[in-house]
């Protein structure tokens, strides 16, 4: 099993785009018992990945509960870097 932050990054090499809630949903079967698999910590991981040039913001929207959802994707260079250092 990969570290949670690695799994979060790797998820973006397999989807067109995702927000924190999408990541949590996708990883909860394997990482659901991890304390850091929560909205706040996943958002921090996504923002760190964006600051490091691995992900970029694609869009944002308010959900039905008026919670802001920010969507990210791994651009080609970011995906290549993630795949280079994090193997399946």
PDB file of N, CA and C in Angstrom:
ATOM      1  N   UNK A   1       0.851  -1.177   0.000  1.00  0.00           N
ATOM      2  CA  UNK A   1       0.000   0.000   0.000  1.00  0.00           C
ATOM      3  C   UNK A   1       0.902   1.247   0.000  1.00  0.00           C
ATOM      4  N   UNK A   2       0.571   2.170  -0.886  1.00  0.00           N
ATOM      5  CA  UNK A   2       1.317   3.427  -0.975  1.00  0.00           C
ATOM      6  C   UNK A   2       0.940   4.357   0.177  1.00  0.00           C
ATOM      7  N   UNK A   3       1.809   5.302   0.508  1.00  0.00           N
ATOM      8  CA  UNK A   3       1.405   6.358   1.441  1.00  0.00           C
ATOM      9  C   UNK A   3       0.204   7.117   0.863  1.00  0.00           C
ATOM     10  N   UNK A   4      -0.640   7.639   1.717  1.00  0.00           N
ATOM     11  CA  UNK A   4      -1.867   8.302   1.280  1.00  0.00           C
ATOM     12  C   UNK A   4      -1.584   9.428   0.287  1.00  0.00           C
ATOM     13  N   UNK A   5      -0.606  10.271   0.551  1.00  0.00           N
ATOM     14  CA  UNK A   5      -0.330  11.375  -0.379  1.00  0.00           C
ATOM     15  C   UNK A   5       0.078  10.867  -1.754  1.00  0.00           C
ATOM     16  N   UNK A   6       0.791   9.763  -1.801  1.00  0.00           N
ATOM     17  CA  UNK A   6       1.137   9.160  -3.086  1.00  0.00           C
ATOM     18  C   UNK A   6      -0.114   8.678  -3.802  1.00  0.00           C
ATOM     19  N   UNK A   7      -1.010   8.051  -3.071  1.00  0.00           N
ATOM     20  CA  UNK A   7      -2.252   7.551  -3.668  1.00  0.00           C
ATOM     21  C   UNK A   7      -3.101   8.704  -4.202  1.00  0.00           C
ATOM     22  N   UNK A   8      -3.112   9.813  -3.477  1.00  0.00           N
ATOM     23  CA  UNK A   8      -3.862  10.991  -3.941  1.00  0.00           C
ATOM     24  C   UNK A   8      -3.288  11.472  -5.262  1.00  0.00           C
ATOM     25  N   UNK A   9      -1.978  11.642  -5.324  1.00  0.00           N
ATOM     26  CA  UNK A   9      -1.353  12.092  -6.568  1.00  0.00           C
ATOM     27  C   UNK A   9      -1.585  11.102  -7.703  1.00  0.00           C
ATOM     28  N   UNK A  10      -1.408   9.831  -7.424  1.00  0.00           N
ATOM     29  CA  UNK A  10      -1.562   8.796  -8.445  1.00  0.00           C
ATOM     30  C   UNK A  10      -2.990   8.780  -9.000  1.00  0.00           C
ATOM     31  N   UNK A  11      -3.965   9.099  -8.151  1.00  0.00           N
ATOM     32  CA  UNK A  11      -5.361   9.150  -8.597  1.00  0.00           C
ATOM     33  C   UNK A  11      -5.528  10.123  -9.768  1.00  0.00           C
ATOM     34  N   UNK A  12      -4.801  11.218  -9.730  1.00  0.00           N
ATOM     35  CA  UNK A  12      -4.940  12.229 -10.776  1.00  0.00           C
ATOM     36  C   UNK A  12      -4.326  11.817 -12.104  1.00  0.00           C
ATOM     37  N   UNK A  13      -3.557  10.752 -12.120  1.00  0.00           N
ATOM     38  CA  UNK A  13      -3.037  10.240 -13.387  1.00  0.00           C
ATOM     39  C   UNK A  13      -4.030   9.285 -14.047  1.00  0.00           C
ATOM     40  N   UNK A  14      -5.136   9.007 -13.352  1.00  0.00           N
ATOM     41  CA  UNK A  14      -6.114   8.040 -13.850  1.00  0.00           C
ATOM     42  C   UNK A  14      -7.469   8.650 -14.152  1.00  0.00           C
ATOM     43  N   UNK A  15      -7.651   9.938 -13.825  1.00  0.00           N
ATOM     44  CA  UNK A  15      -8.936  10.608 -14.051  1.00  0.00           C
ATOM     45  C   UNK A  15      -8.702  11.929 -14.789  1.00  0.00           C
ATOM     46  N   UNK A  16      -9.743  12.410 -15.439  1.00  0.00           N
ATOM     47  CA  UNK A  16      -9.644  13.680 -16.156  1.00  0.00           C
ATOM     48  C   UNK A  16      -9.482  14.843 -15.182  1.00  0.00           C
ATOM     49  N   UNK A  17     -10.282  14.853 -14.126  1.00  0.00           N
ATOM     50  CA  UNK A  17     -10.202  15.869 -13.080  1.00  0.00           C
ATOM     51  C   UNK A  17     -10.914  15.333 -11.853  1.00  0.00           C
ATOM     52  N   UNK A  18     -10.631  15.962 -10.716  1.00  0.00           N
ATOM     53  CA  UNK A  18     -11.278  15.539  -9.460  1.00  0.00           C
ATOM     54  C   UNK A  18     -11.170  16.655  -8.436  1.00  0.00           C
ATOM     55  N   UNK A  19     -12.098  16.620  -7.492  1.00  0.00           N
ATOM     56  CA  UNK A  19     -12.052  17.526  -6.344  1.00  0.00           C
ATOM     57  C   UNK A  19     -11.752  16.673  -5.107  1.00  0.00           C
ATOM     58  N   UNK A  20     -11.596  17.319  -3.967  1.00  0.00           N
ATOM     59  CA  UNK A  20     -11.259  16.595  -2.734  1.00  0.00           C
ATOM     60  C   UNK A  20     -12.284  15.503  -2.434  1.00  0.00           C
ATOM     61  N   UNK A  21     -13.561  15.812  -2.605  1.00  0.00           N
ATOM     62  CA  UNK A  21     -14.608  14.827  -2.313  1.00  0.00           C
ATOM     63  C   UNK A  21     -14.502  13.625  -3.252  1.00  0.00           C
ATOM     64  N   UNK A  22     -14.155  13.863  -4.516  1.00  0.00           N
ATOM     65  CA  UNK A  22     -13.968  12.760  -5.466  1.00  0.00           C
ATOM     66  C   UNK A  22     -12.812  11.862  -5.033  1.00  0.00           C
ATOM     67  N   UNK A  23     -11.723  12.480  -4.590  1.00  0.00           N
ATOM     68  CA  UNK A  23     -10.551  11.734  -4.148  1.00  0.00           C
ATOM     69  C   UNK A  23     -10.907  10.881  -2.934  1.00  0.00           C
ATOM     70  N   UNK A  24     -11.586  11.469  -1.975  1.00  0.00           N
ATOM     71  CA  UNK A  24     -11.977  10.731  -0.771  1.00  0.00           C
ATOM     72  C   UNK A  24     -12.839   9.533  -1.145  1.00  0.00           C
ATOM     73  N   UNK A  25     -13.811   9.748  -2.005  1.00  0.00           N
ATOM     74  CA  UNK A  25     -14.700   8.666  -2.436  1.00  0.00           C
ATOM     75  C   UNK A  25     -13.917   7.556  -3.138  1.00  0.00           C
ATOM     76  N   UNK A  26     -12.983   7.938  -3.992  1.00  0.00           N
ATOM     77  CA  UNK A  26     -12.215   6.957  -4.757  1.00  0.00           C
ATOM     78  C   UNK A  26     -11.271   6.143  -3.869  1.00  0.00           C
ATOM     79  N   UNK A  27     -10.756   6.760  -2.825  1.00  0.00           N
ATOM     80  CA  UNK A  27      -9.748   6.093  -2.000  1.00  0.00           C
ATOM     81  C   UNK A  27     -10.285   5.485  -0.711  1.00  0.00           C
ATOM     82  N   UNK A  28     -11.557   5.732  -0.386  1.00  0.00           N
ATOM     83  CA  UNK A  28     -12.049   5.304   0.924  1.00  0.00           C
ATOM     84  C   UNK A  28     -12.071   3.794   1.120  1.00  0.00           C
ATOM     85  N   UNK A  29     -12.213   3.004   0.064  1.00  0.00           N
ATOM     86  CA  UNK A  29     -12.216   1.553   0.265  1.00  0.00           C
ATOM     87  C   UNK A  29     -10.861   1.047   0.745  1.00  0.00           C
ATOM     88  N   UNK A  30      -9.785   1.648   0.279  1.00  0.00           N
ATOM     89  CA  UNK A  30      -8.444   1.201   0.671  1.00  0.00           C
ATOM     90  C   UNK A  30      -7.859   2.029   1.818  1.00  0.00           C
ATOM     91  N   UNK A  31      -8.198   3.318   1.869  1.00  0.00           N
ATOM     92  CA  UNK A  31      -7.578   4.221   2.836  1.00  0.00           C
ATOM     93  C   UNK A  31      -8.588   4.797   3.837  1.00  0.00           C
ATOM     94  N   UNK A  32      -9.791   4.273   3.875  1.00  0.00           N
ATOM     95  CA  UNK A  32     -10.835   4.810   4.731  1.00  0.00           C
ATOM     96  C   UNK A  32     -10.488   4.855   6.209  1.00  0.00           C
ATOM     97  N   UNK A  33      -9.594   4.007   6.644  1.00  0.00           N
ATOM     98  CA  UNK A  33      -9.200   3.988   8.053  1.00  0.00           C
ATOM     99  C   UNK A  33      -8.089   4.996   8.361  1.00  0.00           C
ATOM    100  N   UNK A  34      -7.573   5.683   7.346  1.00  0.00           N
ATOM    101  CA  UNK A  34      -6.535   6.686   7.567  1.00  0.00           C
ATOM    102  C   UNK A  34      -7.164   7.957   8.127  1.00  0.00           C
ATOM    103  N   UNK A  35      -6.590   8.457   9.192  1.00  0.00           N
ATOM    104  CA  UNK A  35      -7.085   9.678   9.836  1.00  0.00           C
ATOM    105  C   UNK A  35      -7.029  10.876   8.879  1.00  0.00           C
ATOM    106  N   UNK A  36      -6.053  10.923   7.992  1.00  0.00           N
ATOM    107  CA  UNK A  36      -5.855  12.060   7.091  1.00  0.00           C
ATOM    108  C   UNK A  36      -6.747  12.016   5.849  1.00  0.00           C
ATOM    109  N   UNK A  37      -7.567  10.973   5.699  1.00  0.00           N
ATOM    110  CA  UNK A  37      -8.479  10.938   4.550  1.00  0.00           C
ATOM    111  C   UNK A  37      -9.745  11.705   4.924  1.00  0.00           C
ATOM    112  N   UNK A  38      -9.597  13.012   4.983  1.00  0.00           N
ATOM    113  CA  UNK A  38     -10.712  13.906   5.277  1.00  0.00           C
ATOM    114  C   UNK A  38     -10.571  15.133   4.380  1.00  0.00           C
ATOM    115  N   UNK A  39     -11.639  15.881   4.270  1.00  0.00           N
ATOM    116  CA  UNK A  39     -11.675  17.007   3.334  1.00  0.00           C
ATOM    117  C   UNK A  39     -10.535  17.992   3.563  1.00  0.00           C
ATOM    118  N   UNK A  40     -10.318  18.392   4.799  1.00  0.00           N
ATOM    119  CA  UNK A  40      -9.294  19.397   5.114  1.00  0.00           C
ATOM    120  C   UNK A  40      -7.899  18.929   4.698  1.00  0.00           C
ATOM    121  N   UNK A  41      -7.543  17.718   5.061  1.00  0.00           N
ATOM    122  CA  UNK A  41      -6.203  17.214   4.756  1.00  0.00           C
ATOM    123  C   UNK A  41      -6.018  16.912   3.269  1.00  0.00           C
ATOM    124  N   UNK A  42      -7.060  16.434   2.609  1.00  0.00           N
ATOM    125  CA  UNK A  42      -6.960  16.179   1.168  1.00  0.00           C
ATOM    126  C   UNK A  42      -6.817  17.503   0.421  1.00  0.00           C
ATOM    127  N   UNK A  43      -7.566  18.516   0.814  1.00  0.00           N
ATOM    128  CA  UNK A  43      -7.426  19.829   0.182  1.00  0.00           C
ATOM    129  C   UNK A  43      -6.001  20.349   0.373  1.00  0.00           C
ATOM    130  N   UNK A  44      -5.437  20.182   1.556  1.00  0.00           N
ATOM    131  CA  UNK A  44      -4.058  20.619   1.792  1.00  0.00           C
ATOM    132  C   UNK A  44      -3.093  19.877   0.868  1.00  0.00           C
ATOM    133  N   UNK A  45      -3.298  18.589   0.683  1.00  0.00           N
ATOM    134  CA  UNK A  45      -2.444  17.805  -0.212  1.00  0.00           C
ATOM    135  C   UNK A  45      -2.582  18.286  -1.657  1.00  0.00           C
ATOM    136  N   UNK A  46      -3.808  18.593  -2.076  1.00  0.00           N
ATOM    137  CA  UNK A  46      -4.029  19.071  -3.443  1.00  0.00           C
ATOM    138  C   UNK A  46      -3.398  20.438  -3.661  1.00  0.00           C
ATOM    139  N   UNK A  47      -3.528  21.311  -2.688  1.00  0.00           N
ATOM    140  CA  UNK A  47      -2.934  22.647  -2.807  1.00  0.00           C
ATOM    141  C   UNK A  47      -1.407  22.568  -2.819  1.00  0.00           C
ATOM    142  N   UNK A  48      -0.846  21.655  -2.048  1.00  0.00           N
ATOM    143  CA  UNK A  48       0.602  21.456  -2.058  1.00  0.00           C
ATOM    144  C   UNK A  48       1.059  20.937  -3.415  1.00  0.00           C
ATOM    145  N   UNK A  49       0.324  19.980  -3.963  1.00  0.00           N
ATOM    146  CA  UNK A  49       0.664  19.443  -5.285  1.00  0.00           C
ATOM    147  C   UNK A  49       0.560  20.533  -6.351  1.00  0.00           C
ATOM    148  N   UNK A  50      -0.427  21.402  -6.219  1.00  0.00           N
ATOM    149  CA  UNK A  50      -0.555  22.510  -7.171  1.00  0.00           C
ATOM    150  C   UNK A  50       0.628  23.474  -7.027  1.00  0.00           C
ATOM    151  N   UNK A  51       0.990  23.814  -5.798  1.00  0.00           N
ATOM    152  CA  UNK A  51       2.114  24.721  -5.552  1.00  0.00           C
ATOM    153  C   UNK A  51       3.425  24.138  -6.078  1.00  0.00           C
ATOM    154  N   UNK A  52       3.531  22.815  -6.076  1.00  0.00           N
ATOM    155  CA  UNK A  52       4.732  22.147  -6.578  1.00  0.00           C
ATOM    156  C   UNK A  52       4.675  21.850  -8.074  1.00  0.00           C
ATOM    157  N   UNK A  53       3.617  22.294  -8.745  1.00  0.00           N
ATOM    158  CA  UNK A  53       3.533  22.167 -10.192  1.00  0.00           C
ATOM    159  C   UNK A  53       3.091  20.820 -10.713  1.00  0.00           C
ATOM    160  N   UNK A  54       2.551  19.955  -9.844  1.00  0.00           N
ATOM    161  CA  UNK A  54       2.100  18.633 -10.287  1.00  0.00           C
ATOM    162  C   UNK A  54       0.654  18.645 -10.749  1.00  0.00           C
ATOM    163  N   UNK A  55      -0.165  19.495 -10.153  1.00  0.00           N
ATOM    164  CA  UNK A  55      -1.580  19.614 -10.501  1.00  0.00           C
ATOM    165  C   UNK A  55      -1.878  21.060 -10.842  1.00  0.00           C
ATOM    166  N   UNK A  56      -2.979  21.255 -11.560  1.00  0.00           N
ATOM    167  CA  UNK A  56      -3.461  22.608 -11.773  1.00  0.00           C
ATOM    168  C   UNK A  56      -4.979  22.638 -11.643  1.00  0.00           C
ATOM    169  N   UNK A  57      -5.466  23.764 -11.191  1.00  0.00           N
ATOM    170  CA  UNK A  57      -6.898  23.949 -10.998  1.00  0.00           C
ATOM    171  C   UNK A  57      -7.581  24.006 -12.359  1.00  0.00           C
ATOM    172  N   UNK A  58      -8.714  23.309 -12.479  1.00  0.00           N
ATOM    173  CA  UNK A  58      -9.449  23.333 -13.744  1.00  0.00           C
ATOM    174  C   UNK A  58     -10.739  24.132 -13.648  1.00  0.00           C
ATOM    175  N   UNK A  59     -11.415  24.034 -12.510  1.00  0.00           N
ATOM    176  CA  UNK A  59     -12.678  24.764 -12.337  1.00  0.00           C
ATOM    177  C   UNK A  59     -13.085  24.702 -10.875  1.00  0.00           C
ATOM    178  N   UNK A  60     -14.126  25.443 -10.550  1.00  0.00           N
ATOM    179  CA  UNK A  60     -14.678  25.390  -9.200  1.00  0.00           C
ATOM    180  C   UNK A  60     -16.176  25.577  -9.289  1.00  0.00           C
ATOM    181  N   UNK A  61     -16.884  25.103  -8.270  1.00  0.00           N
ATOM    182  CA  UNK A  61     -18.338  25.232  -8.219  1.00  0.00           C
ATOM    183  C   UNK A  61     -18.807  25.104  -6.776  1.00  0.00           C
ATOM    184  N   UNK A  62     -19.982  25.577  -6.524  1.00  0.00           N
ATOM    185  CA  UNK A  62     -20.620  25.396  -5.218  1.00  0.00           C
ATOM    186  C   UNK A  62     -21.517  24.172  -5.320  1.00  0.00           C
ATOM    187  N   UNK A  63     -21.417  23.282  -4.335  1.00  0.00           N
ATOM    188  CA  UNK A  63     -22.287  22.112  -4.365  1.00  0.00           C
ATOM    189  C   UNK A  63     -23.646  22.462  -3.756  1.00  0.00           C
ATOM    190  N   UNK A  64     -24.502  21.472  -3.605  1.00  0.00           N
ATOM    191  CA  UNK A  64     -25.861  21.708  -3.115  1.00  0.00           C
ATOM    192  C   UNK A  64     -25.890  22.209  -1.679  1.00  0.00           C
ATOM    193  N   UNK A  65     -24.817  21.973  -0.932  1.00  0.00           N
ATOM    194  CA  UNK A  65     -24.737  22.424   0.462  1.00  0.00           C
ATOM    195  C   UNK A  65     -23.968  23.738   0.586  1.00  0.00           C
ATOM    196  N   UNK A  66     -23.756  24.415  -0.540  1.00  0.00           N
ATOM    197  CA  UNK A  66     -22.978  25.659  -0.590  1.00  0.00           C
ATOM    198  C   UNK A  66     -21.545  25.484  -0.109  1.00  0.00           C
ATOM    199  N   UNK A  67     -20.954  24.338  -0.423  1.00  0.00           N
ATOM    200  CA  UNK A  67     -19.547  24.072  -0.136  1.00  0.00           C
ATOM    201  C   UNK A  67     -18.788  24.221  -1.455  1.00  0.00           C
ATOM    202  N   UNK A  68     -17.711  24.990  -1.422  1.00  0.00           N
ATOM    203  CA  UNK A  68     -16.902  25.203  -2.613  1.00  0.00           C
ATOM    204  C   UNK A  68     -16.121  23.947  -2.944  1.00  0.00           C
ATOM    205  N   UNK A  69     -16.234  23.511  -4.184  1.00  0.00           N
ATOM    206  CA  UNK A  69     -15.463  22.366  -4.672  1.00  0.00           C
ATOM    207  C   UNK A  69     -14.518  22.876  -5.749  1.00  0.00           C
ATOM    208  N   UNK A  70     -13.242  22.654  -5.529  1.00  0.00           N
ATOM    209  CA  UNK A  70     -12.225  23.055  -6.498  1.00  0.00           C
ATOM    210  C   UNK A  70     -11.720  21.790  -7.180  1.00  0.00           C
ATOM    211  N   UNK A  71     -11.746  21.804  -8.495  1.00  0.00           N
ATOM    212  CA  UNK A  71     -11.333  20.649  -9.292  1.00  0.00           C
ATOM    213  C   UNK A  71      -9.919  20.872  -9.829  1.00  0.00           C
ATOM    214  N   UNK A  72      -9.152  19.797  -9.833  1.00  0.00           N
ATOM    215  CA  UNK A  72      -7.770  19.825 -10.306  1.00  0.00           C
ATOM    216  C   UNK A  72      -7.575  18.726 -11.335  1.00  0.00           C
ATOM    217  N   UNK A  73      -6.518  18.864 -12.124  1.00  0.00           N
ATOM    218  CA  UNK A  73      -6.095  17.777 -12.995  1.00  0.00           C
ATOM    219  C   UNK A  73      -4.576  17.774 -13.059  1.00  0.00           C
ATOM    220  N   UNK A  74      -4.039  16.630 -13.419  1.00  0.00           N
ATOM    221  CA  UNK A  74      -2.595  16.509 -13.620  1.00  0.00           C
ATOM    222  C   UNK A  74      -2.335  16.793 -15.093  1.00  0.00           C
ATOM    223  N   UNK A  75      -1.689  17.918 -15.385  1.00  0.00           N
ATOM    224  CA  UNK A  75      -1.327  18.220 -16.769  1.00  0.00           C
ATOM    225  C   UNK A  75      -0.262  17.209 -17.208  1.00  0.00           C
ATOM    226  N   UNK A  76       0.077  17.219 -18.464  1.00  0.00           N
ATOM    227  CA  UNK A  76       0.963  16.182 -18.999  1.00  0.00           C
ATOM    228  C   UNK A  76       2.293  16.096 -18.248  1.00  0.00           C
ATOM    229  N   UNK A  77       2.929  17.224 -18.033  1.00  0.00           N
ATOM    230  CA  UNK A  77       4.221  17.204 -17.331  1.00  0.00           C
ATOM    231  C   UNK A  77       4.065  16.733 -15.881  1.00  0.00           C
ATOM    232  N   UNK A  78       2.998  17.183 -15.220  1.00  0.00           N
ATOM    233  CA  UNK A  78       2.751  16.754 -13.847  1.00  0.00           C
ATOM    234  C   UNK A  78       2.490  15.263 -13.768  1.00  0.00           C
ATOM    235  N   UNK A  79       1.673  14.751 -14.682  1.00  0.00           N
ATOM    236  CA  UNK A  79       1.371  13.316 -14.702  1.00  0.00           C
ATOM    237  C   UNK A  79       2.636  12.503 -14.964  1.00  0.00           C
ATOM    238  N   UNK A  80       3.475  12.989 -15.882  1.00  0.00           N
ATOM    239  CA  UNK A  80       4.734  12.288 -16.165  1.00  0.00           C
ATOM    240  C   UNK A  80       5.630  12.251 -14.935  1.00  0.00           C
ATOM    241  N   UNK A  81       5.707  13.356 -14.213  1.00  0.00           N
ATOM    242  CA  UNK A  81       6.521  13.414 -12.994  1.00  0.00           C
ATOM    243  C   UNK A  81       5.966  12.475 -11.928  1.00  0.00           C
ATOM    244  N   UNK A  82       4.653  12.504 -11.725  1.00  0.00           N
ATOM    245  CA  UNK A  82       4.024  11.609 -10.745  1.00  0.00           C
ATOM    246  C   UNK A  82       4.317  10.154 -11.107  1.00  0.00           C
ATOM    247  N   UNK A  83       4.113   9.801 -12.371  1.00  0.00           N
ATOM    248  CA  UNK A  83       4.327   8.410 -12.798  1.00  0.00           C
ATOM    249  C   UNK A  83       5.796   7.994 -12.734  1.00  0.00           C
ATOM    250  N   UNK A  84       6.694   8.959 -12.902  1.00  0.00           N
ATOM    251  CA  UNK A  84       8.123   8.654 -12.820  1.00  0.00           C
ATOM    252  C   UNK A  84       8.523   8.244 -11.403  1.00  0.00           C
ATOM    253  N   UNK A  85       7.982   8.929 -10.408  1.00  0.00           N
ATOM    254  CA  UNK A  85       8.399   8.693  -9.039  1.00  0.00           C
ATOM    255  C   UNK A  85       7.470   7.775  -8.237  1.00  0.00           C
ATOM    256  N   UNK A  86       6.231   7.627  -8.689  1.00  0.00           N
ATOM    257  CA  UNK A  86       5.280   6.776  -7.965  1.00  0.00           C
ATOM    258  C   UNK A  86       4.805   5.683  -8.925  1.00  0.00           C
ATOM    259  N   UNK A  87       5.282   4.507  -8.709  1.00  0.00           N
ATOM    260  CA  UNK A  87       4.920   3.372  -9.573  1.00  0.00           C
ATOM    261  C   UNK A  87       3.638   2.720  -9.086  1.00  0.00           C
ATOM    262  N   UNK A  88       2.941   2.077 -10.017  1.00  0.00           N
ATOM    263  CA  UNK A  88       1.700   1.354  -9.657  1.00  0.00           C
ATOM    264  C   UNK A  88       1.979   0.119  -8.858  1.00  0.00           C
TER     265      UNK A  88
END
